[in-house]
Amino acid sequence: METRESRMRKLLEAALSPCEIAITDQSGRHARHVAKMGIEAEGETHYRLKIVSPAFAGLSRVERARRVHEVLAPEFATGLHALALELKTPEEAGQG
């Protein structure tokens, strides 16, 4: 069975053509928080994403975050709960 991380990676790579992508599952840090919300604490709910992509050029921080959330909408519909985001262009990341 494919993991949420691998599905997210495929979606993000297809939509943003990133130079760099790092996905860290932080669900364990949020298990009690999720349980209080009445959500099954099975993991794969909270992630930290670092994405460096030319697709972010000319976009504000809010627009970049919206773009990532739009790309990952199918995952939010199936239990993804929260993202911590670090979104940069290659120039901002010192890669350009």
N, C-alpha and C. Protein backbone atom coordinates (compact mmCIF):
# COMPACT_ATOMS: atom_id res chain seq x y z
N MET A 1 0.85 -1.20 0.00
CA MET A 1 0.00 0.00 0.00
C MET A 1 0.89 1.25 0.00
N GLU A 2 0.53 2.18 -0.81
CA GLU A 2 1.31 3.42 -0.94
C GLU A 2 1.09 4.31 0.28
N THR A 3 2.14 4.94 0.75
CA THR A 3 2.03 5.83 1.91
C THR A 3 1.55 7.21 1.48
N ARG A 4 1.07 7.95 2.46
CA ARG A 4 0.65 9.33 2.18
C ARG A 4 1.87 10.14 1.70
N GLU A 5 3.01 9.90 2.32
CA GLU A 5 4.21 10.63 1.91
C GLU A 5 4.53 10.42 0.43
N SER A 6 4.46 9.19 -0.03
CA SER A 6 4.77 8.93 -1.44
C SER A 6 3.72 9.53 -2.37
N ARG A 7 2.45 9.51 -1.96
CA ARG A 7 1.40 10.14 -2.77
C ARG A 7 1.61 11.65 -2.83
N MET A 8 1.93 12.25 -1.68
CA MET A 8 2.16 13.69 -1.65
C MET A 8 3.36 14.06 -2.53
N ARG A 9 4.41 13.28 -2.44
CA ARG A 9 5.62 13.55 -3.24
C ARG A 9 5.26 13.53 -4.73
N LYS A 10 4.50 12.53 -5.17
CA LYS A 10 4.12 12.45 -6.59
C LYS A 10 3.29 13.66 -7.02
N LEU A 11 2.33 14.05 -6.20
CA LEU A 11 1.49 15.20 -6.53
C LEU A 11 2.31 16.48 -6.61
N LEU A 12 3.17 16.69 -5.62
CA LEU A 12 3.98 17.90 -5.57
C LEU A 12 4.99 17.95 -6.71
N GLU A 13 5.62 16.83 -7.01
CA GLU A 13 6.59 16.79 -8.11
C GLU A 13 5.92 17.08 -9.45
N ALA A 14 4.73 16.52 -9.65
CA ALA A 14 4.02 16.73 -10.91
C ALA A 14 3.57 18.18 -11.07
N ALA A 15 3.13 18.79 -9.98
CA ALA A 15 2.57 20.14 -10.07
C ALA A 15 3.62 21.25 -9.99
N LEU A 16 4.72 21.02 -9.25
CA LEU A 16 5.65 22.10 -8.96
C LEU A 16 7.06 21.91 -9.53
N SER A 17 7.36 20.75 -10.06
CA SER A 17 8.70 20.45 -10.57
C SER A 17 9.80 20.99 -9.64
N PRO A 18 9.80 20.54 -8.39
CA PRO A 18 10.75 21.09 -7.43
C PRO A 18 12.20 20.70 -7.70
N CYS A 19 13.11 21.60 -7.32
CA CYS A 19 14.54 21.32 -7.34
C CYS A 19 14.90 20.51 -6.10
N GLU A 20 14.14 20.73 -5.05
CA GLU A 20 14.37 20.06 -3.77
C GLU A 20 13.02 19.86 -3.09
N ILE A 21 12.87 18.71 -2.48
CA ILE A 21 11.66 18.45 -1.70
C ILE A 21 12.03 17.55 -0.53
N ALA A 22 11.58 17.95 0.66
CA ALA A 22 11.78 17.14 1.86
C ALA A 22 10.44 17.06 2.58
N ILE A 23 10.04 15.85 2.89
CA ILE A 23 8.76 15.62 3.55
C ILE A 23 9.04 14.87 4.84
N THR A 24 8.61 15.45 5.97
CA THR A 24 8.84 14.84 7.27
C THR A 24 7.50 14.61 7.95
N ASP A 25 7.22 13.38 8.33
CA ASP A 25 5.99 13.05 9.05
C ASP A 25 6.18 13.46 10.50
N GLN A 26 5.37 14.39 10.96
CA GLN A 26 5.42 14.86 12.34
C GLN A 26 4.17 14.45 13.12
N SER A 27 3.47 13.46 12.62
CA SER A 27 2.21 13.04 13.22
C SER A 27 2.36 12.63 14.68
N GLY A 28 3.45 11.98 15.01
CA GLY A 28 3.66 11.53 16.39
C GLY A 28 3.64 12.66 17.39
N ARG A 29 4.07 13.82 16.99
CA ARG A 29 4.06 14.99 17.87
C ARG A 29 2.65 15.50 18.14
N HIS A 30 1.69 15.09 17.32
CA HIS A 30 0.34 15.65 17.38
C HIS A 30 -0.73 14.61 17.73
N ALA A 31 -0.33 13.44 18.14
CA ALA A 31 -1.29 12.36 18.38
C ALA A 31 -2.37 12.75 19.39
N ARG A 32 -1.99 13.38 20.51
CA ARG A 32 -2.99 13.76 21.51
C ARG A 32 -3.90 14.85 20.97
N HIS A 33 -3.34 15.80 20.24
CA HIS A 33 -4.14 16.87 19.64
C HIS A 33 -5.18 16.29 18.69
N VAL A 34 -4.77 15.35 17.86
CA VAL A 34 -5.67 14.74 16.89
C VAL A 34 -6.74 13.92 17.60
N ALA A 35 -6.36 13.19 18.63
CA ALA A 35 -7.32 12.38 19.38
C ALA A 35 -8.39 13.26 20.03
N LYS A 36 -8.01 14.43 20.53
CA LYS A 36 -8.97 15.35 21.14
C LYS A 36 -10.00 15.84 20.13
N MET A 37 -9.62 15.85 18.85
CA MET A 37 -10.53 16.29 17.81
C MET A 37 -11.45 15.16 17.36
N GLY A 38 -11.26 13.98 17.93
CA GLY A 38 -12.08 12.84 17.56
C GLY A 38 -11.64 12.15 16.29
N ILE A 39 -10.40 12.39 15.88
CA ILE A 39 -9.85 11.77 14.69
C ILE A 39 -9.00 10.59 15.11
N GLU A 40 -9.11 9.50 14.40
CA GLU A 40 -8.26 8.34 14.67
C GLU A 40 -6.80 8.75 14.58
N ALA A 41 -6.03 8.42 15.59
CA ALA A 41 -4.61 8.79 15.64
C ALA A 41 -3.76 7.70 15.00
N GLU A 42 -3.96 7.44 13.74
CA GLU A 42 -3.23 6.40 13.03
C GLU A 42 -1.94 6.92 12.41
N GLY A 43 -1.66 8.19 12.50
CA GLY A 43 -0.48 8.76 11.87
C GLY A 43 -0.80 9.31 10.50
N GLU A 44 0.25 9.81 9.85
CA GLU A 44 0.13 10.39 8.51
C GLU A 44 -0.89 11.54 8.46
N THR A 45 -0.89 12.38 9.51
CA THR A 45 -1.83 13.49 9.56
C THR A 45 -1.15 14.85 9.53
N HIS A 46 0.08 14.94 10.04
CA HIS A 46 0.81 16.20 10.15
C HIS A 46 2.18 16.05 9.50
N TYR A 47 2.51 16.99 8.61
CA TYR A 47 3.78 16.92 7.89
C TYR A 47 4.47 18.26 7.84
N ARG A 48 5.77 18.20 7.76
CA ARG A 48 6.60 19.38 7.48
C ARG A 48 7.12 19.21 6.06
N LEU A 49 6.93 20.24 5.24
CA LEU A 49 7.39 20.20 3.85
C LEU A 49 8.39 21.32 3.61
N LYS A 50 9.50 20.97 3.00
CA LYS A 50 10.43 21.97 2.49
C LYS A 50 10.47 21.75 0.98
N ILE A 51 10.08 22.77 0.25
CA ILE A 51 10.03 22.67 -1.21
C ILE A 51 10.74 23.88 -1.81
N VAL A 52 11.67 23.60 -2.69
CA VAL A 52 12.34 24.65 -3.47
C VAL A 52 11.90 24.44 -4.91
N SER A 53 11.24 25.46 -5.47
CA SER A 53 10.69 25.31 -6.82
C SER A 53 10.64 26.65 -7.55
N PRO A 54 10.98 26.64 -8.83
CA PRO A 54 10.81 27.86 -9.62
C PRO A 54 9.34 28.25 -9.77
N ALA A 55 8.44 27.33 -9.51
CA ALA A 55 7.00 27.61 -9.61
C ALA A 55 6.55 28.65 -8.59
N PHE A 56 7.36 28.90 -7.56
CA PHE A 56 7.00 29.88 -6.53
C PHE A 56 7.43 31.31 -6.89
N ALA A 57 8.15 31.47 -7.99
CA ALA A 57 8.62 32.81 -8.39
C ALA A 57 7.43 33.74 -8.58
N GLY A 58 7.55 34.92 -7.99
CA GLY A 58 6.51 35.94 -8.14
C GLY A 58 5.29 35.74 -7.25
N LEU A 59 5.28 34.69 -6.44
CA LEU A 59 4.15 34.42 -5.55
C LEU A 59 4.48 34.83 -4.13
N SER A 60 3.50 35.37 -3.43
CA SER A 60 3.66 35.71 -2.02
C SER A 60 3.68 34.42 -1.19
N ARG A 61 4.06 34.54 0.07
CA ARG A 61 4.04 33.36 0.96
C ARG A 61 2.65 32.72 1.01
N VAL A 62 1.64 33.56 1.08
CA VAL A 62 0.26 33.05 1.15
C VAL A 62 -0.11 32.34 -0.15
N GLU A 63 0.25 32.91 -1.28
CA GLU A 63 -0.05 32.29 -2.57
C GLU A 63 0.69 30.95 -2.73
N ARG A 64 1.91 30.89 -2.25
CA ARG A 64 2.66 29.63 -2.30
C ARG A 64 1.98 28.56 -1.46
N ALA A 65 1.58 28.94 -0.25
CA ALA A 65 0.90 27.98 0.63
C ALA A 65 -0.42 27.53 0.02
N ARG A 66 -1.16 28.46 -0.55
CA ARG A 66 -2.43 28.08 -1.20
C ARG A 66 -2.19 27.08 -2.33
N ARG A 67 -1.15 27.31 -3.09
CA ARG A 67 -0.82 26.42 -4.20
C ARG A 67 -0.55 25.01 -3.70
N VAL A 68 0.25 24.90 -2.64
CA VAL A 68 0.56 23.58 -2.07
C VAL A 68 -0.71 22.93 -1.54
N HIS A 69 -1.54 23.68 -0.86
CA HIS A 69 -2.80 23.13 -0.32
C HIS A 69 -3.72 22.67 -1.44
N GLU A 70 -3.77 23.41 -2.53
CA GLU A 70 -4.59 23.00 -3.69
C GLU A 70 -4.07 21.69 -4.27
N VAL A 71 -2.76 21.58 -4.42
CA VAL A 71 -2.16 20.37 -4.97
C VAL A 71 -2.46 19.17 -4.08
N LEU A 72 -2.45 19.39 -2.77
CA LEU A 72 -2.65 18.28 -1.82
C LEU A 72 -4.10 18.12 -1.37
N ALA A 73 -5.03 18.77 -2.04
CA ALA A 73 -6.45 18.67 -1.68
C ALA A 73 -6.93 17.22 -1.56
N PRO A 74 -6.53 16.31 -2.46
CA PRO A 74 -6.97 14.91 -2.29
C PRO A 74 -6.49 14.29 -0.98
N GLU A 75 -5.34 14.69 -0.51
CA GLU A 75 -4.82 14.15 0.75
C GLU A 75 -5.55 14.75 1.95
N PHE A 76 -5.89 16.04 1.87
CA PHE A 76 -6.68 16.65 2.95
C PHE A 76 -8.05 15.99 3.04
N ALA A 77 -8.58 15.56 1.91
CA ALA A 77 -9.90 14.91 1.88
C ALA A 77 -9.86 13.51 2.50
N THR A 78 -8.66 12.96 2.67
CA THR A 78 -8.56 11.59 3.21
C THR A 78 -7.76 11.52 4.50
N GLY A 79 -7.69 12.63 5.26
CA GLY A 79 -7.10 12.56 6.59
C GLY A 79 -5.88 13.41 6.86
N LEU A 80 -5.26 13.99 5.83
CA LEU A 80 -4.17 14.92 6.09
C LEU A 80 -4.76 16.10 6.86
N HIS A 81 -4.12 16.49 7.94
CA HIS A 81 -4.71 17.50 8.81
C HIS A 81 -3.96 18.83 8.78
N ALA A 82 -2.62 18.80 8.76
CA ALA A 82 -1.88 20.05 8.86
C ALA A 82 -0.51 19.94 8.20
N LEU A 83 -0.04 21.10 7.73
CA LEU A 83 1.28 21.19 7.10
C LEU A 83 2.05 22.35 7.72
N ALA A 84 3.34 22.12 7.96
CA ALA A 84 4.28 23.19 8.27
C ALA A 84 5.07 23.37 6.99
N LEU A 85 5.11 24.58 6.47
CA LEU A 85 5.66 24.79 5.13
C LEU A 85 6.88 25.71 5.10
N GLU A 86 7.87 25.30 4.36
CA GLU A 86 9.01 26.14 4.00
C GLU A 86 9.08 26.09 2.48
N LEU A 87 8.67 27.19 1.84
CA LEU A 87 8.51 27.22 0.39
C LEU A 87 9.38 28.34 -0.20
N LYS A 88 10.35 27.96 -1.02
CA LYS A 88 11.29 28.94 -1.56
C LYS A 88 11.51 28.73 -3.05
N THR A 89 11.96 29.79 -3.70
CA THR A 89 12.43 29.68 -5.08
C THR A 89 13.89 29.23 -5.00
N PRO A 90 14.45 28.73 -6.10
CA PRO A 90 15.87 28.36 -6.08
C PRO A 90 16.78 29.52 -5.68
N GLU A 91 16.46 30.73 -6.12
CA GLU A 91 17.26 31.91 -5.78
C GLU A 91 17.23 32.16 -4.28
N GLU A 92 16.06 32.06 -3.68
CA GLU A 92 15.93 32.28 -2.23
C GLU A 92 16.66 31.20 -1.43
N ALA A 93 16.77 30.02 -2.00
CA ALA A 93 17.43 28.91 -1.32
C ALA A 93 18.93 28.87 -1.63
N GLY A 94 19.41 29.84 -2.40
CA GLY A 94 20.82 29.88 -2.75
C GLY A 94 21.21 28.86 -3.81
N GLN A 95 20.22 28.42 -4.59
CA GLN A 95 20.48 27.43 -5.63
C GLN A 95 20.48 28.02 -7.03
N GLY A 96 20.19 29.32 -7.12
CA GLY A 96 20.06 29.89 -8.46
C GLY A 96 21.07 30.90 -8.81
